Amino acid sequence: MFRITIACGGGIFTTTVVTDQVKEILKKAGIQATITPAKLTEIAGISDADLIIVTGKFGTDTKNIANIPIIVGMPLLTGVGADEFKVELVEKIKEIQASK
């Protein structure tokens, strides 16, 4: 099962909104995953995820202790670039799965 962490400033409201959308994207793509909420401040220490989606200002060049890939999910909140993000998300998951 693929493991995703979705991180925002507080780890509650924004994370919930994005989680619901990510679940729908994954369902349509036939990808099973567990999704865990987190705060942006927790990203550096996350070691139990395959992918991290952030919804705030957080550089994707930033690494965590497990070198987990990070993508910016802000398009799911704003709607700007949402279609492109959906494609990027599915492609990134497939790329990660193929490398395991």
N, C-alpha and C. Protein backbone atom coordinates (compact mmCIF):
# COMPACT_ATOMS: atom_id res chain seq x y z
N MET A 1 0.85 -1.18 0.00
CA MET A 1 0.00 0.00 0.00
C MET A 1 0.90 1.24 0.00
N PHE A 2 0.60 2.16 -0.87
CA PHE A 2 1.36 3.40 -0.99
C PHE A 2 1.03 4.30 0.20
N ARG A 3 2.03 5.01 0.71
CA ARG A 3 1.83 5.86 1.89
C ARG A 3 2.10 7.31 1.53
N ILE A 4 1.09 8.16 1.75
CA ILE A 4 1.19 9.58 1.45
C ILE A 4 0.99 10.37 2.74
N THR A 5 1.82 11.39 2.94
CA THR A 5 1.61 12.34 4.02
C THR A 5 1.25 13.67 3.38
N ILE A 6 0.18 14.28 3.87
CA ILE A 6 -0.23 15.59 3.38
C ILE A 6 -0.01 16.59 4.50
N ALA A 7 0.83 17.59 4.24
CA ALA A 7 1.21 18.54 5.28
C ALA A 7 0.79 19.96 4.94
N CYS A 8 0.25 20.63 5.94
CA CYS A 8 -0.09 22.05 5.81
C CYS A 8 0.35 22.75 7.09
N GLY A 9 0.07 24.03 7.19
CA GLY A 9 0.49 24.81 8.34
C GLY A 9 0.03 24.25 9.66
N GLY A 10 -1.25 23.95 9.79
CA GLY A 10 -1.79 23.47 11.05
C GLY A 10 -2.04 21.98 11.09
N GLY A 11 -2.06 21.34 9.93
CA GLY A 11 -2.28 19.90 9.87
C GLY A 11 -3.73 19.48 10.05
N ILE A 12 -4.67 20.44 9.87
CA ILE A 12 -6.08 20.08 10.08
C ILE A 12 -6.93 20.42 8.87
N PHE A 13 -7.39 21.67 8.76
CA PHE A 13 -8.39 22.02 7.74
C PHE A 13 -7.89 21.83 6.32
N THR A 14 -6.82 22.49 5.97
CA THR A 14 -6.31 22.40 4.61
C THR A 14 -5.94 20.97 4.26
N THR A 15 -5.37 20.28 5.21
CA THR A 15 -5.01 18.88 4.99
C THR A 15 -6.23 18.04 4.67
N THR A 16 -7.33 18.29 5.36
CA THR A 16 -8.57 17.55 5.12
C THR A 16 -9.11 17.81 3.72
N VAL A 17 -9.11 19.06 3.31
CA VAL A 17 -9.61 19.42 1.98
C VAL A 17 -8.78 18.73 0.90
N VAL A 18 -7.47 18.80 1.03
CA VAL A 18 -6.59 18.19 0.03
C VAL A 18 -6.69 16.66 0.08
N THR A 19 -6.80 16.10 1.27
CA THR A 19 -6.92 14.64 1.41
C THR A 19 -8.13 14.12 0.65
N ASP A 20 -9.26 14.79 0.78
CA ASP A 20 -10.47 14.36 0.08
C ASP A 20 -10.25 14.35 -1.42
N GLN A 21 -9.59 15.37 -1.93
CA GLN A 21 -9.34 15.44 -3.38
C GLN A 21 -8.33 14.39 -3.83
N VAL A 22 -7.30 14.17 -3.02
CA VAL A 22 -6.30 13.16 -3.37
C VAL A 22 -6.93 11.77 -3.38
N LYS A 23 -7.78 11.50 -2.42
CA LYS A 23 -8.48 10.20 -2.39
C LYS A 23 -9.26 9.98 -3.68
N GLU A 24 -9.93 11.01 -4.17
CA GLU A 24 -10.71 10.91 -5.40
C GLU A 24 -9.80 10.67 -6.60
N ILE A 25 -8.68 11.37 -6.66
CA ILE A 25 -7.72 11.20 -7.75
C ILE A 25 -7.19 9.76 -7.77
N LEU A 26 -6.82 9.27 -6.59
CA LEU A 26 -6.27 7.92 -6.48
C LEU A 26 -7.31 6.86 -6.83
N LYS A 27 -8.54 7.10 -6.41
CA LYS A 27 -9.63 6.15 -6.71
C LYS A 27 -9.80 6.02 -8.22
N LYS A 28 -9.81 7.16 -8.92
CA LYS A 28 -9.96 7.14 -10.38
C LYS A 28 -8.78 6.47 -11.07
N ALA A 29 -7.60 6.58 -10.45
CA ALA A 29 -6.39 5.98 -11.03
C ALA A 29 -6.19 4.54 -10.60
N GLY A 30 -7.04 4.05 -9.70
CA GLY A 30 -6.92 2.68 -9.23
C GLY A 30 -5.72 2.45 -8.32
N ILE A 31 -5.33 3.48 -7.58
CA ILE A 31 -4.18 3.39 -6.68
C ILE A 31 -4.67 3.34 -5.24
N GLN A 32 -4.23 2.33 -4.51
CA GLN A 32 -4.59 2.23 -3.09
C GLN A 32 -3.50 2.88 -2.26
N ALA A 33 -3.92 3.72 -1.32
CA ALA A 33 -2.94 4.43 -0.49
C ALA A 33 -3.52 4.75 0.87
N THR A 34 -2.63 4.90 1.82
CA THR A 34 -3.02 5.44 3.12
C THR A 34 -2.53 6.88 3.15
N ILE A 35 -3.33 7.74 3.74
CA ILE A 35 -2.99 9.16 3.80
C ILE A 35 -2.94 9.59 5.25
N THR A 36 -1.84 10.25 5.61
CA THR A 36 -1.63 10.71 6.98
C THR A 36 -1.47 12.23 6.98
N PRO A 37 -2.17 12.94 7.85
CA PRO A 37 -2.00 14.39 7.95
C PRO A 37 -0.76 14.74 8.77
N ALA A 38 -0.20 15.90 8.49
CA ALA A 38 0.96 16.38 9.25
C ALA A 38 1.02 17.91 9.15
N LYS A 39 1.88 18.49 9.94
CA LYS A 39 2.15 19.92 9.88
C LYS A 39 3.43 20.11 9.07
N LEU A 40 3.56 21.29 8.44
CA LEU A 40 4.77 21.57 7.67
C LEU A 40 6.02 21.43 8.52
N THR A 41 5.92 21.80 9.79
CA THR A 41 7.08 21.74 10.68
C THR A 41 7.53 20.32 10.97
N GLU A 42 6.70 19.33 10.64
CA GLU A 42 7.04 17.92 10.91
C GLU A 42 7.71 17.23 9.73
N ILE A 43 7.76 17.89 8.59
CA ILE A 43 8.25 17.25 7.37
C ILE A 43 9.67 16.71 7.50
N ALA A 44 10.54 17.46 8.10
CA ALA A 44 11.95 17.04 8.19
C ALA A 44 12.11 15.69 8.87
N GLY A 45 11.22 15.34 9.79
CA GLY A 45 11.36 14.11 10.53
C GLY A 45 10.51 12.95 10.04
N ILE A 46 9.75 13.13 8.98
CA ILE A 46 8.88 12.06 8.49
C ILE A 46 9.73 10.97 7.82
N SER A 47 9.49 9.73 8.24
CA SER A 47 10.25 8.63 7.66
C SER A 47 9.35 7.48 7.21
N ASP A 48 8.05 7.61 7.43
CA ASP A 48 7.13 6.50 7.14
C ASP A 48 6.15 6.82 6.02
N ALA A 49 6.63 7.50 4.99
CA ALA A 49 5.78 7.83 3.83
C ALA A 49 6.56 7.56 2.55
N ASP A 50 5.82 7.37 1.46
CA ASP A 50 6.45 7.21 0.15
C ASP A 50 6.48 8.53 -0.61
N LEU A 51 5.54 9.44 -0.24
CA LEU A 51 5.42 10.74 -0.90
C LEU A 51 4.83 11.73 0.08
N ILE A 52 5.31 12.97 0.03
CA ILE A 52 4.77 14.03 0.86
C ILE A 52 4.18 15.10 -0.06
N ILE A 53 2.94 15.49 0.23
CA ILE A 53 2.29 16.59 -0.50
C ILE A 53 2.17 17.74 0.48
N VAL A 54 2.68 18.90 0.10
CA VAL A 54 2.59 20.08 0.96
C VAL A 54 1.60 21.07 0.38
N THR A 55 0.94 21.80 1.27
CA THR A 55 -0.06 22.77 0.81
C THR A 55 0.29 24.18 1.24
N GLY A 56 1.50 24.39 1.64
CA GLY A 56 1.94 25.72 2.05
C GLY A 56 3.27 26.03 1.41
N LYS A 57 3.85 27.14 1.82
CA LYS A 57 5.14 27.52 1.28
C LYS A 57 6.22 26.65 1.88
N PHE A 58 6.69 25.75 1.06
CA PHE A 58 7.71 24.80 1.49
C PHE A 58 8.46 24.37 0.25
N GLY A 59 9.74 24.60 0.22
CA GLY A 59 10.52 24.28 -0.97
C GLY A 59 10.62 22.79 -1.22
N THR A 60 10.42 22.39 -2.45
CA THR A 60 10.51 20.97 -2.78
C THR A 60 11.97 20.50 -2.80
N ASP A 61 12.91 21.43 -2.70
CA ASP A 61 14.32 21.04 -2.59
C ASP A 61 14.65 20.62 -1.17
N THR A 62 13.76 20.95 -0.24
CA THR A 62 13.96 20.57 1.15
C THR A 62 13.89 19.06 1.27
N LYS A 63 14.73 18.49 2.07
CA LYS A 63 14.76 17.03 2.25
C LYS A 63 14.34 16.70 3.68
N ASN A 64 13.95 15.47 3.85
CA ASN A 64 13.68 15.00 5.19
C ASN A 64 14.65 13.86 5.48
N ILE A 65 14.55 13.28 6.67
CA ILE A 65 15.55 12.28 7.07
C ILE A 65 15.52 11.04 6.18
N ALA A 66 14.40 10.76 5.55
CA ALA A 66 14.28 9.57 4.70
C ALA A 66 14.37 9.89 3.21
N ASN A 67 14.65 11.16 2.87
CA ASN A 67 14.77 11.59 1.47
C ASN A 67 13.51 11.29 0.66
N ILE A 68 12.36 11.50 1.27
CA ILE A 68 11.06 11.25 0.63
C ILE A 68 10.74 12.38 -0.34
N PRO A 69 10.28 12.07 -1.55
CA PRO A 69 9.93 13.13 -2.50
C PRO A 69 8.80 14.00 -1.97
N ILE A 70 8.88 15.29 -2.31
CA ILE A 70 7.88 16.27 -1.86
C ILE A 70 7.33 16.97 -3.10
N ILE A 71 5.99 17.04 -3.20
CA ILE A 71 5.36 17.82 -4.27
C ILE A 71 4.40 18.83 -3.64
N VAL A 72 4.17 19.91 -4.36
CA VAL A 72 3.31 20.98 -3.85
C VAL A 72 1.89 20.79 -4.35
N GLY A 73 0.95 20.62 -3.40
CA GLY A 73 -0.45 20.37 -3.73
C GLY A 73 -1.33 21.59 -3.70
N MET A 74 -0.75 22.78 -3.71
CA MET A 74 -1.52 24.02 -3.67
C MET A 74 -2.57 24.12 -4.78
N PRO A 75 -2.33 23.58 -5.98
CA PRO A 75 -3.35 23.65 -7.02
C PRO A 75 -4.69 23.04 -6.61
N LEU A 76 -4.68 22.08 -5.70
CA LEU A 76 -5.94 21.49 -5.26
C LEU A 76 -6.73 22.45 -4.39
N LEU A 77 -6.07 23.44 -3.82
CA LEU A 77 -6.77 24.45 -3.01
C LEU A 77 -7.23 25.61 -3.86
N THR A 78 -6.38 26.04 -4.78
CA THR A 78 -6.69 27.24 -5.57
C THR A 78 -7.46 26.93 -6.85
N GLY A 79 -7.30 25.70 -7.34
CA GLY A 79 -7.92 25.34 -8.61
C GLY A 79 -7.03 25.67 -9.80
N VAL A 80 -6.05 26.55 -9.60
CA VAL A 80 -5.14 26.94 -10.68
C VAL A 80 -4.10 25.84 -10.86
N GLY A 81 -4.14 25.19 -12.00
CA GLY A 81 -3.21 24.10 -12.29
C GLY A 81 -3.62 22.76 -11.69
N ALA A 82 -4.87 22.65 -11.27
CA ALA A 82 -5.34 21.41 -10.62
C ALA A 82 -5.26 20.21 -11.55
N ASP A 83 -5.63 20.38 -12.80
CA ASP A 83 -5.59 19.25 -13.74
C ASP A 83 -4.16 18.76 -13.95
N GLU A 84 -3.23 19.71 -14.07
CA GLU A 84 -1.82 19.35 -14.23
C GLU A 84 -1.31 18.63 -12.98
N PHE A 85 -1.73 19.12 -11.81
CA PHE A 85 -1.29 18.48 -10.56
C PHE A 85 -1.78 17.04 -10.48
N LYS A 86 -3.01 16.80 -10.88
CA LYS A 86 -3.57 15.44 -10.83
C LYS A 86 -2.72 14.49 -11.66
N VAL A 87 -2.32 14.92 -12.85
CA VAL A 87 -1.47 14.10 -13.72
C VAL A 87 -0.11 13.90 -13.06
N GLU A 88 0.46 14.99 -12.52
CA GLU A 88 1.77 14.91 -11.87
C GLU A 88 1.73 13.94 -10.69
N LEU A 89 0.67 14.00 -9.90
CA LEU A 89 0.54 13.14 -8.73
C LEU A 89 0.54 11.66 -9.13
N VAL A 90 -0.29 11.30 -10.08
CA VAL A 90 -0.39 9.90 -10.50
C VAL A 90 0.93 9.44 -11.11
N GLU A 91 1.55 10.28 -11.92
CA GLU A 91 2.84 9.91 -12.53
C GLU A 91 3.91 9.73 -11.47
N LYS A 92 3.94 10.62 -10.48
CA LYS A 92 4.94 10.53 -9.42
C LYS A 92 4.76 9.25 -8.61
N ILE A 93 3.52 8.90 -8.29
CA ILE A 93 3.26 7.67 -7.54
C ILE A 93 3.72 6.46 -8.34
N LYS A 94 3.38 6.42 -9.62
CA LYS A 94 3.78 5.29 -10.46
C LYS A 94 5.30 5.19 -10.57
N GLU A 95 5.96 6.34 -10.66
CA GLU A 95 7.42 6.39 -10.74
C GLU A 95 8.03 5.83 -9.44
N ILE A 96 7.50 6.23 -8.32
CA ILE A 96 8.00 5.75 -7.02
C ILE A 96 7.75 4.25 -6.87
N GLN A 97 6.55 3.81 -7.25
CA GLN A 97 6.22 2.38 -7.16
C GLN A 97 7.14 1.54 -8.04
N ALA A 98 7.46 2.05 -9.22
CA ALA A 98 8.32 1.31 -10.15
C ALA A 98 9.76 1.20 -9.63
N SER A 99 10.17 2.16 -8.82
CA SER A 99 11.55 2.15 -8.32
C SER A 99 11.73 1.26 -7.10
N LYS A 100 10.63 0.71 -6.59
CA LYS A 100 10.73 -0.16 -5.39
C LYS A 100 10.93 -1.60 -5.76
